[in-house]
Amino acid sequence: MSDLELIFTMLGEINKWHSVAETLLGWLVSKPKKSWVVVLFLLKNFYRIPISRMIL
C-alpha cells in the first residue's frame, strides 16, 4: 500500500467516525498544546504507523 493510499484510507476511517472527529476537533482547539501529541499517539495505535514516517 502506497503512502497516498494509506492517507486516503485514514481519511475514510475519519469520515466513518465524523461525530467523533468533530468532538476531537473541538478538543484540539481548546487544548492545542497537548492534543496533537495525543492524536499522533492514537493514530500510531489505531493504524500502526510509525509517527516519524507520517511526518516526513
N, C-alpha and C. Protein backbone atom coordinates (compact mmCIF):
# COMPACT_ATOMS: atom_id res chain seq x y z
N MET A 1 0.85 -1.20 0.00
CA MET A 1 0.00 0.00 0.00
C MET A 1 0.89 1.25 0.00
N SER A 2 0.64 2.13 -0.94
CA SER A 2 1.45 3.36 -1.01
C SER A 2 1.04 4.34 0.08
N ASP A 3 1.89 5.34 0.30
CA ASP A 3 1.58 6.36 1.31
C ASP A 3 0.29 7.08 0.97
N LEU A 4 0.06 7.35 -0.32
CA LEU A 4 -1.15 8.06 -0.73
C LEU A 4 -2.39 7.24 -0.42
N GLU A 5 -2.33 5.95 -0.72
CA GLU A 5 -3.46 5.07 -0.40
C GLU A 5 -3.71 5.02 1.10
N LEU A 6 -2.62 5.03 1.85
CA LEU A 6 -2.72 4.99 3.30
C LEU A 6 -3.43 6.24 3.82
N ILE A 7 -3.07 7.39 3.26
CA ILE A 7 -3.71 8.65 3.66
C ILE A 7 -5.20 8.62 3.35
N PHE A 8 -5.57 8.16 2.15
CA PHE A 8 -6.99 8.11 1.80
C PHE A 8 -7.75 7.12 2.68
N THR A 9 -7.10 6.02 3.05
CA THR A 9 -7.72 5.06 3.95
C THR A 9 -7.99 5.70 5.30
N MET A 10 -7.00 6.45 5.80
CA MET A 10 -7.17 7.14 7.08
C MET A 10 -8.30 8.15 7.01
N LEU A 11 -8.37 8.91 5.90
CA LEU A 11 -9.44 9.89 5.74
C LEU A 11 -10.80 9.20 5.71
N GLY A 12 -10.87 8.06 5.07
CA GLY A 12 -12.11 7.30 5.03
C GLY A 12 -12.55 6.85 6.41
N GLU A 13 -11.58 6.40 7.21
CA GLU A 13 -11.89 5.99 8.58
C GLU A 13 -12.39 7.17 9.40
N ILE A 14 -11.77 8.34 9.21
CA ILE A 14 -12.21 9.53 9.94
C ILE A 14 -13.63 9.90 9.54
N ASN A 15 -13.95 9.78 8.24
CA ASN A 15 -15.30 10.11 7.79
C ASN A 15 -16.34 9.18 8.39
N LYS A 16 -15.97 7.92 8.63
CA LYS A 16 -16.90 6.97 9.25
C LYS A 16 -17.25 7.39 10.68
N TRP A 17 -16.31 8.07 11.31
CA TRP A 17 -16.50 8.50 12.70
C TRP A 17 -16.56 10.01 12.76
N HIS A 18 -17.39 10.60 11.91
CA HIS A 18 -17.43 12.06 11.75
C HIS A 18 -17.74 12.79 13.04
N SER A 19 -18.70 12.28 13.80
CA SER A 19 -19.06 12.96 15.06
C SER A 19 -17.90 12.91 16.05
N VAL A 20 -17.18 11.79 16.07
CA VAL A 20 -16.01 11.68 16.93
C VAL A 20 -14.94 12.65 16.47
N ALA A 21 -14.76 12.74 15.15
CA ALA A 21 -13.77 13.66 14.59
C ALA A 21 -14.11 15.11 14.96
N GLU A 22 -15.39 15.45 14.91
CA GLU A 22 -15.80 16.81 15.27
C GLU A 22 -15.53 17.09 16.75
N THR A 23 -15.81 16.10 17.59
CA THR A 23 -15.53 16.25 19.02
C THR A 23 -14.04 16.45 19.26
N LEU A 24 -13.22 15.64 18.57
CA LEU A 24 -11.77 15.78 18.69
C LEU A 24 -11.31 17.14 18.20
N LEU A 25 -11.92 17.62 17.11
CA LEU A 25 -11.54 18.92 16.56
C LEU A 25 -11.81 20.02 17.57
N GLY A 26 -12.97 19.96 18.22
CA GLY A 26 -13.28 20.93 19.26
C GLY A 26 -12.29 20.87 20.41
N TRP A 27 -11.88 19.64 20.74
CA TRP A 27 -10.91 19.46 21.81
C TRP A 27 -9.54 19.99 21.41
N LEU A 28 -9.18 19.77 20.12
CA LEU A 28 -7.89 20.28 19.61
C LEU A 28 -7.81 21.79 19.74
N VAL A 29 -8.93 22.46 19.44
CA VAL A 29 -8.96 23.91 19.51
C VAL A 29 -8.84 24.39 20.96
N SER A 30 -9.47 23.67 21.87
CA SER A 30 -9.46 24.09 23.27
C SER A 30 -8.14 23.75 23.99
N LYS A 31 -7.46 22.70 23.51
CA LYS A 31 -6.20 22.28 24.14
C LYS A 31 -5.13 22.05 23.07
N PRO A 32 -4.67 23.13 22.43
CA PRO A 32 -3.78 22.98 21.27
C PRO A 32 -2.40 22.41 21.57
N LYS A 33 -1.92 22.56 22.80
CA LYS A 33 -0.55 22.13 23.08
C LYS A 33 -0.41 20.61 23.22
N LYS A 34 -1.24 20.01 24.07
CA LYS A 34 -1.11 18.59 24.35
C LYS A 34 -1.87 17.72 23.35
N SER A 35 -2.86 18.28 22.71
CA SER A 35 -3.78 17.47 21.91
C SER A 35 -3.11 16.80 20.72
N TRP A 36 -2.17 17.49 20.06
CA TRP A 36 -1.54 16.88 18.88
C TRP A 36 -0.73 15.65 19.25
N VAL A 37 -0.11 15.67 20.43
CA VAL A 37 0.63 14.50 20.89
C VAL A 37 -0.33 13.32 21.06
N VAL A 38 -1.49 13.60 21.63
CA VAL A 38 -2.49 12.55 21.85
C VAL A 38 -3.01 12.01 20.52
N VAL A 39 -3.29 12.92 19.57
CA VAL A 39 -3.80 12.50 18.26
C VAL A 39 -2.77 11.62 17.55
N LEU A 40 -1.52 12.03 17.55
CA LEU A 40 -0.48 11.22 16.91
C LEU A 40 -0.34 9.86 17.60
N PHE A 41 -0.48 9.86 18.92
CA PHE A 41 -0.41 8.61 19.68
C PHE A 41 -1.56 7.68 19.30
N LEU A 42 -2.76 8.24 19.17
CA LEU A 42 -3.93 7.45 18.78
C LEU A 42 -3.77 6.91 17.37
N LEU A 43 -3.30 7.77 16.45
CA LEU A 43 -3.08 7.32 15.07
C LEU A 43 -2.07 6.19 15.04
N LYS A 44 -1.01 6.32 15.83
CA LYS A 44 0.01 5.28 15.87
C LYS A 44 -0.58 3.97 16.36
N ASN A 45 -1.42 4.05 17.39
CA ASN A 45 -2.02 2.84 17.95
C ASN A 45 -3.07 2.22 17.03
N PHE A 46 -3.94 3.05 16.46
CA PHE A 46 -5.03 2.52 15.64
C PHE A 46 -4.57 2.06 14.26
N TYR A 47 -3.62 2.77 13.69
CA TYR A 47 -3.21 2.46 12.33
C TYR A 47 -1.83 1.81 12.24
N ARG A 48 -1.13 1.72 13.40
CA ARG A 48 0.19 1.08 13.44
C ARG A 48 1.15 1.74 12.46
N ILE A 49 1.15 3.06 12.41
CA ILE A 49 2.02 3.81 11.51
C ILE A 49 3.12 4.46 12.33
N PRO A 50 4.37 4.27 11.94
CA PRO A 50 5.43 5.00 12.63
C PRO A 50 5.23 6.50 12.48
N ILE A 51 5.24 7.23 13.59
CA ILE A 51 4.97 8.66 13.56
C ILE A 51 5.99 9.40 12.71
N SER A 52 7.25 9.02 12.80
CA SER A 52 8.29 9.71 12.03
C SER A 52 8.04 9.57 10.53
N ARG A 53 7.51 8.43 10.11
CA ARG A 53 7.23 8.22 8.69
C ARG A 53 6.05 9.09 8.25
N MET A 54 5.07 9.26 9.15
CA MET A 54 3.92 10.10 8.82
C MET A 54 4.33 11.55 8.60
N ILE A 55 5.19 12.06 9.48
CA ILE A 55 5.58 13.46 9.41
C ILE A 55 6.48 13.72 8.22
N LEU A 56 7.42 12.79 7.94
CA LEU A 56 8.38 13.01 6.86
C LEU A 56 7.85 12.66 5.53
